[in-house]
Amino acid sequence: MNEVSYKVSGMSCAHCADAITRSLNALPGIDAVAVDIATGTVRVSGSGSAEDIRAAVAEAGYEVVHA
């Protein structure tokens, strides 16, 4: 199992965290998602591809600015 952290822009509240968490958890191979609004980071565990993770974050309305 891989664990990768991503810097995400635009997160500011619990609703943001929930939207990103739901979007990422819908991906196959994702085992866990941890969103830290204060630091603007999302930690993803599992076997999902970076491309799919970036697309899921974008679908939720946010942008991965650094992996």
PDB file of N, CA and C in Angstrom:
ATOM      1  N   MET A   1       0.856  -1.181   0.000  1.00  0.00           N
ATOM      2  CA  MET A   1       0.000   0.000   0.000  1.00  0.00           C
ATOM      3  C   MET A   1       0.895   1.234   0.000  1.00  0.00           C
ATOM      4  N   ASN A   2       0.608   2.167  -0.878  1.00  0.00           N
ATOM      5  CA  ASN A   2       1.328   3.426  -0.975  1.00  0.00           C
ATOM      6  C   ASN A   2       0.596   4.502  -0.202  1.00  0.00           C
ATOM      7  N   GLU A   3       1.341   5.467   0.326  1.00  0.00           N
ATOM      8  CA  GLU A   3       0.747   6.631   0.959  1.00  0.00           C
ATOM      9  C   GLU A   3       1.423   7.862   0.382  1.00  0.00           C
ATOM     10  N   VAL A   4       0.623   8.776  -0.174  1.00  0.00           N
ATOM     11  CA  VAL A   4       1.151   9.969  -0.815  1.00  0.00           C
ATOM     12  C   VAL A   4       0.371  11.175  -0.308  1.00  0.00           C
ATOM     13  N   SER A   5       1.080  12.281  -0.080  1.00  0.00           N
ATOM     14  CA  SER A   5       0.439  13.531   0.317  1.00  0.00           C
ATOM     15  C   SER A   5       0.403  14.485  -0.864  1.00  0.00           C
ATOM     16  N   TYR A   6      -0.695  15.208  -0.977  1.00  0.00           N
ATOM     17  CA  TYR A   6      -0.884  16.181  -2.042  1.00  0.00           C
ATOM     18  C   TYR A   6      -1.246  17.524  -1.424  1.00  0.00           C
ATOM     19  N   LYS A   7      -0.701  18.597  -1.964  1.00  0.00           N
ATOM     20  CA  LYS A   7      -1.087  19.949  -1.580  1.00  0.00           C
ATOM     21  C   LYS A   7      -2.246  20.334  -2.487  1.00  0.00           C
ATOM     22  N   VAL A   8      -3.358  20.767  -1.877  1.00  0.00           N
ATOM     23  CA  VAL A   8      -4.567  21.069  -2.635  1.00  0.00           C
ATOM     24  C   VAL A   8      -4.980  22.516  -2.365  1.00  0.00           C
ATOM     25  N   SER A   9      -5.252  23.265  -3.425  1.00  0.00           N
ATOM     26  CA  SER A   9      -5.668  24.659  -3.252  1.00  0.00           C
ATOM     27  C   SER A   9      -7.187  24.759  -3.186  1.00  0.00           C
ATOM     28  N   GLY A  10      -7.637  25.766  -2.434  1.00  0.00           N
ATOM     29  CA  GLY A  10      -9.058  26.074  -2.377  1.00  0.00           C
ATOM     30  C   GLY A  10      -9.827  25.467  -1.223  1.00  0.00           C
ATOM     31  N   MET A  11      -9.196  24.635  -0.415  1.00  0.00           N
ATOM     32  CA  MET A  11      -9.903  24.029   0.729  1.00  0.00           C
ATOM     33  C   MET A  11      -9.968  25.030   1.882  1.00  0.00           C
ATOM     34  N   SER A  12     -11.166  25.194   2.467  1.00  0.00           N
ATOM     35  CA  SER A  12     -11.277  26.142   3.567  1.00  0.00           C
ATOM     36  C   SER A  12     -12.242  25.713   4.674  1.00  0.00           C
ATOM     37  N   CYS A  13     -12.945  24.599   4.475  1.00  0.00           N
ATOM     38  CA  CYS A  13     -13.952  24.222   5.474  1.00  0.00           C
ATOM     39  C   CYS A  13     -14.196  22.709   5.467  1.00  0.00           C
ATOM     40  N   ALA A  14     -15.025  22.278   6.390  1.00  0.00           N
ATOM     41  CA  ALA A  14     -15.349  20.853   6.495  1.00  0.00           C
ATOM     42  C   ALA A  14     -16.070  20.350   5.251  1.00  0.00           C
ATOM     43  N   HIS A  15     -16.865  21.194   4.624  1.00  0.00           N
ATOM     44  CA  HIS A  15     -17.547  20.798   3.387  1.00  0.00           C
ATOM     45  C   HIS A  15     -16.515  20.478   2.301  1.00  0.00           C
ATOM     46  N   CYS A  16     -15.461  21.287   2.220  1.00  0.00           N
ATOM     47  CA  CYS A  16     -14.387  21.049   1.251  1.00  0.00           C
ATOM     48  C   CYS A  16     -13.761  19.674   1.494  1.00  0.00           C
ATOM     49  N   ALA A  17     -13.427  19.421   2.747  1.00  0.00           N
ATOM     50  CA  ALA A  17     -12.802  18.149   3.115  1.00  0.00           C
ATOM     51  C   ALA A  17     -13.714  16.982   2.786  1.00  0.00           C
ATOM     52  N   ASP A  18     -15.001  17.133   3.046  1.00  0.00           N
ATOM     53  CA  ASP A  18     -15.961  16.065   2.783  1.00  0.00           C
ATOM     54  C   ASP A  18     -16.083  15.798   1.279  1.00  0.00           C
ATOM     55  N   ALA A  19     -16.127  16.852   0.489  1.00  0.00           N
ATOM     56  CA  ALA A  19     -16.251  16.688  -0.970  1.00  0.00           C
ATOM     57  C   ALA A  19     -15.046  15.952  -1.543  1.00  0.00           C
ATOM     58  N   ILE A  20     -13.857  16.332  -1.098  1.00  0.00           N
ATOM     59  CA  ILE A  20     -12.643  15.679  -1.583  1.00  0.00           C
ATOM     60  C   ILE A  20     -12.586  14.232  -1.106  1.00  0.00           C
ATOM     61  N   THR A  21     -12.923  14.002   0.145  1.00  0.00           N
ATOM     62  CA  THR A  21     -12.905  12.647   0.694  1.00  0.00           C
ATOM     63  C   THR A  21     -13.856  11.736  -0.068  1.00  0.00           C
ATOM     64  N   ARG A  22     -15.073  12.194  -0.318  1.00  0.00           N
ATOM     65  CA  ARG A  22     -16.056  11.387  -1.059  1.00  0.00           C
ATOM     66  C   ARG A  22     -15.557  11.071  -2.463  1.00  0.00           C
ATOM     67  N   SER A  23     -15.017  12.078  -3.132  1.00  0.00           N
ATOM     68  CA  SER A  23     -14.539  11.895  -4.502  1.00  0.00           C
ATOM     69  C   SER A  23     -13.391  10.887  -4.561  1.00  0.00           C
ATOM     70  N   LEU A  24     -12.450  10.996  -3.629  1.00  0.00           N
ATOM     71  CA  LEU A  24     -11.311  10.075  -3.627  1.00  0.00           C
ATOM     72  C   LEU A  24     -11.715   8.669  -3.205  1.00  0.00           C
ATOM     73  N   ASN A  25     -12.598   8.557  -2.232  1.00  0.00           N
ATOM     74  CA  ASN A  25     -13.032   7.232  -1.785  1.00  0.00           C
ATOM     75  C   ASN A  25     -13.806   6.476  -2.859  1.00  0.00           C
ATOM     76  N   ALA A  26     -14.324   7.184  -3.851  1.00  0.00           N
ATOM     77  CA  ALA A  26     -15.046   6.533  -4.955  1.00  0.00           C
ATOM     78  C   ALA A  26     -14.096   5.862  -5.945  1.00  0.00           C
ATOM     79  N   LEU A  27     -12.806   6.188  -5.854  1.00  0.00           N
ATOM     80  CA  LEU A  27     -11.832   5.593  -6.775  1.00  0.00           C
ATOM     81  C   LEU A  27     -11.490   4.166  -6.358  1.00  0.00           C
ATOM     82  N   PRO A  28     -11.334   3.267  -7.319  1.00  0.00           N
ATOM     83  CA  PRO A  28     -10.893   1.911  -6.974  1.00  0.00           C
ATOM     84  C   PRO A  28      -9.455   1.950  -6.459  1.00  0.00           C
ATOM     85  N   GLY A  29      -9.182   1.151  -5.451  1.00  0.00           N
ATOM     86  CA  GLY A  29      -7.832   1.034  -4.924  1.00  0.00           C
ATOM     87  C   GLY A  29      -7.494   1.991  -3.802  1.00  0.00           C
ATOM     88  N   ILE A  30      -8.382   2.938  -3.498  1.00  0.00           N
ATOM     89  CA  ILE A  30      -8.124   3.881  -2.411  1.00  0.00           C
ATOM     90  C   ILE A  30      -8.574   3.244  -1.101  1.00  0.00           C
ATOM     91  N   ASP A  31      -7.640   3.169  -0.137  1.00  0.00           N
ATOM     92  CA  ASP A  31      -7.933   2.551   1.153  1.00  0.00           C
ATOM     93  C   ASP A  31      -8.275   3.567   2.230  1.00  0.00           C
ATOM     94  N   ALA A  32      -7.640   4.736   2.199  1.00  0.00           N
ATOM     95  CA  ALA A  32      -7.881   5.751   3.224  1.00  0.00           C
ATOM     96  C   ALA A  32      -7.550   7.130   2.675  1.00  0.00           C
ATOM     97  N   VAL A  33      -8.299   8.121   3.172  1.00  0.00           N
ATOM     98  CA  VAL A  33      -8.085   9.517   2.796  1.00  0.00           C
ATOM     99  C   VAL A  33      -8.101  10.337   4.073  1.00  0.00           C
ATOM    100  N   ALA A  34      -7.107  11.212   4.243  1.00  0.00           N
ATOM    101  CA  ALA A  34      -7.057  12.113   5.392  1.00  0.00           C
ATOM    102  C   ALA A  34      -6.830  13.524   4.872  1.00  0.00           C
ATOM    103  N   VAL A  35      -7.778  14.416   5.160  1.00  0.00           N
ATOM    104  CA  VAL A  35      -7.702  15.799   4.704  1.00  0.00           C
ATOM    105  C   VAL A  35      -7.359  16.690   5.894  1.00  0.00           C
ATOM    106  N   ASP A  36      -6.360  17.550   5.720  1.00  0.00           N
ATOM    107  CA  ASP A  36      -5.978  18.530   6.745  1.00  0.00           C
ATOM    108  C   ASP A  36      -6.218  19.911   6.160  1.00  0.00           C
ATOM    109  N   ILE A  37      -7.320  20.527   6.552  1.00  0.00           N
ATOM    110  CA  ILE A  37      -7.694  21.827   6.004  1.00  0.00           C
ATOM    111  C   ILE A  37      -6.660  22.890   6.375  1.00  0.00           C
ATOM    112  N   ALA A  38      -6.159  22.850   7.595  1.00  0.00           N
ATOM    113  CA  ALA A  38      -5.219  23.867   8.078  1.00  0.00           C
ATOM    114  C   ALA A  38      -3.955  23.947   7.225  1.00  0.00           C
ATOM    115  N   THR A  39      -3.461  22.792   6.778  1.00  0.00           N
ATOM    116  CA  THR A  39      -2.238  22.781   5.977  1.00  0.00           C
ATOM    117  C   THR A  39      -2.510  22.672   4.482  1.00  0.00           C
ATOM    118  N   GLY A  40      -3.765  22.419   4.124  1.00  0.00           N
ATOM    119  CA  GLY A  40      -4.121  22.278   2.718  1.00  0.00           C
ATOM    120  C   GLY A  40      -3.585  21.007   2.092  1.00  0.00           C
ATOM    121  N   THR A  41      -3.465  19.953   2.901  1.00  0.00           N
ATOM    122  CA  THR A  41      -2.938  18.698   2.380  1.00  0.00           C
ATOM    123  C   THR A  41      -3.970  17.584   2.436  1.00  0.00           C
ATOM    124  N   VAL A  42      -3.803  16.662   1.523  1.00  0.00           N
ATOM    125  CA  VAL A  42      -4.630  15.460   1.468  1.00  0.00           C
ATOM    126  C   VAL A  42      -3.679  14.278   1.403  1.00  0.00           C
ATOM    127  N   ARG A  43      -3.817  13.347   2.338  1.00  0.00           N
ATOM    128  CA  ARG A  43      -2.990  12.140   2.365  1.00  0.00           C
ATOM    129  C   ARG A  43      -3.857  10.980   1.891  1.00  0.00           C
ATOM    130  N   VAL A  44      -3.362  10.269   0.888  1.00  0.00           N
ATOM    131  CA  VAL A  44      -4.113   9.180   0.278  1.00  0.00           C
ATOM    132  C   VAL A  44      -3.314   7.890   0.411  1.00  0.00           C
ATOM    133  N   SER A  45      -3.968   6.843   0.900  1.00  0.00           N
ATOM    134  CA  SER A  45      -3.352   5.523   1.010  1.00  0.00           C
ATOM    135  C   SER A  45      -4.063   4.571   0.066  1.00  0.00           C
ATOM    136  N   GLY A  46      -3.289   3.744  -0.608  1.00  0.00           N
ATOM    137  CA  GLY A  46      -3.870   2.759  -1.502  1.00  0.00           C
ATOM    138  C   GLY A  46      -3.065   2.629  -2.773  1.00  0.00           C
ATOM    139  N   SER A  47      -3.712   2.093  -3.779  1.00  0.00           N
ATOM    140  CA  SER A  47      -3.023   1.828  -5.034  1.00  0.00           C
ATOM    141  C   SER A  47      -3.550   2.681  -6.188  1.00  0.00           C
ATOM    142  N   GLY A  48      -4.249   3.769  -5.888  1.00  0.00           N
ATOM    143  CA  GLY A  48      -4.766   4.640  -6.943  1.00  0.00           C
ATOM    144  C   GLY A  48      -3.647   5.386  -7.639  1.00  0.00           C
ATOM    145  N   SER A  49      -3.831   5.683  -8.908  1.00  0.00           N
ATOM    146  CA  SER A  49      -2.805   6.398  -9.669  1.00  0.00           C
ATOM    147  C   SER A  49      -2.874   7.897  -9.364  1.00  0.00           C
ATOM    148  N   ALA A  50      -1.740   8.565  -9.479  1.00  0.00           N
ATOM    149  CA  ALA A  50      -1.676  10.007  -9.244  1.00  0.00           C
ATOM    150  C   ALA A  50      -2.601  10.744 -10.217  1.00  0.00           C
ATOM    151  N   GLU A  51      -2.675  10.265 -11.438  1.00  0.00           N
ATOM    152  CA  GLU A  51      -3.547  10.890 -12.451  1.00  0.00           C
ATOM    153  C   GLU A  51      -5.018  10.800 -12.037  1.00  0.00           C
ATOM    154  N   ASP A  52      -5.438   9.632 -11.560  1.00  0.00           N
ATOM    155  CA  ASP A  52      -6.829   9.459 -11.119  1.00  0.00           C
ATOM    156  C   ASP A  52      -7.119  10.304  -9.886  1.00  0.00           C
ATOM    157  N   ILE A  53      -6.149  10.395  -8.983  1.00  0.00           N
ATOM    158  CA  ILE A  53      -6.331  11.194  -7.768  1.00  0.00           C
ATOM    159  C   ILE A  53      -6.471  12.667  -8.127  1.00  0.00           C
ATOM    160  N   ARG A  54      -5.610  13.161  -9.003  1.00  0.00           N
ATOM    161  CA  ARG A  54      -5.713  14.561  -9.444  1.00  0.00           C
ATOM    162  C   ARG A  54      -7.066  14.829 -10.105  1.00  0.00           C
ATOM    163  N   ALA A  55      -7.528  13.898 -10.926  1.00  0.00           N
ATOM    164  CA  ALA A  55      -8.811  14.057 -11.611  1.00  0.00           C
ATOM    165  C   ALA A  55      -9.967  14.060 -10.611  1.00  0.00           C
ATOM    166  N   ALA A  56      -9.909  13.206  -9.603  1.00  0.00           N
ATOM    167  CA  ALA A  56     -10.977  13.150  -8.593  1.00  0.00           C
ATOM    168  C   ALA A  56     -11.018  14.434  -7.777  1.00  0.00           C
ATOM    169  N   VAL A  57      -9.856  14.965  -7.430  1.00  0.00           N
ATOM    170  CA  VAL A  57      -9.802  16.235  -6.688  1.00  0.00           C
ATOM    171  C   VAL A  57     -10.382  17.356  -7.561  1.00  0.00           C
ATOM    172  N   ALA A  58     -10.026  17.371  -8.837  1.00  0.00           N
ATOM    173  CA  ALA A  58     -10.556  18.388  -9.759  1.00  0.00           C
ATOM    174  C   ALA A  58     -12.068  18.252  -9.907  1.00  0.00           C
ATOM    175  N   GLU A  59     -12.550  17.023  -9.963  1.00  0.00           N
ATOM    176  CA  GLU A  59     -13.993  16.785 -10.080  1.00  0.00           C
ATOM    177  C   GLU A  59     -14.742  17.325  -8.861  1.00  0.00           C
ATOM    178  N   ALA A  60     -14.073  17.300  -7.701  1.00  0.00           N
ATOM    179  CA  ALA A  60     -14.680  17.825  -6.484  1.00  0.00           C
ATOM    180  C   ALA A  60     -14.621  19.352  -6.440  1.00  0.00           C
ATOM    181  N   GLY A  61     -13.891  19.966  -7.389  1.00  0.00           N
ATOM    182  CA  GLY A  61     -13.841  21.420  -7.475  1.00  0.00           C
ATOM    183  C   GLY A  61     -12.576  22.053  -6.929  1.00  0.00           C
ATOM    184  N   TYR A  62     -11.523  21.263  -6.771  1.00  0.00           N
ATOM    185  CA  TYR A  62     -10.262  21.749  -6.190  1.00  0.00           C
ATOM    186  C   TYR A  62      -9.114  21.383  -7.105  1.00  0.00           C
ATOM    187  N   GLU A  63      -7.918  21.844  -6.768  1.00  0.00           N
ATOM    188  CA  GLU A  63      -6.773  21.584  -7.631  1.00  0.00           C
ATOM    189  C   GLU A  63      -5.581  21.091  -6.823  1.00  0.00           C
ATOM    190  N   VAL A  64      -4.992  19.994  -7.279  1.00  0.00           N
ATOM    191  CA  VAL A  64      -3.733  19.534  -6.697  1.00  0.00           C
ATOM    192  C   VAL A  64      -2.642  20.446  -7.245  1.00  0.00           C
ATOM    193  N   VAL A  65      -1.926  21.121  -6.335  1.00  0.00           N
ATOM    194  CA  VAL A  65      -0.885  22.042  -6.778  1.00  0.00           C
ATOM    195  C   VAL A  65       0.507  21.475  -6.570  1.00  0.00           C
ATOM    196  N   HIS A  66       0.604  20.403  -5.786  1.00  0.00           N
ATOM    197  CA  HIS A  66       1.909  19.781  -5.534  1.00  0.00           C
ATOM    198  C   HIS A  66       1.674  18.401  -4.942  1.00  0.00           C
ATOM    199  N   ALA A  67       2.457  17.436  -5.432  1.00  0.00           N
ATOM    200  CA  ALA A  67       2.370  16.084  -4.879  1.00  0.00           C
ATOM    201  C   ALA A  67       3.615  15.770  -4.089  1.00  0.00           C
TER     202      ALA A  67
END
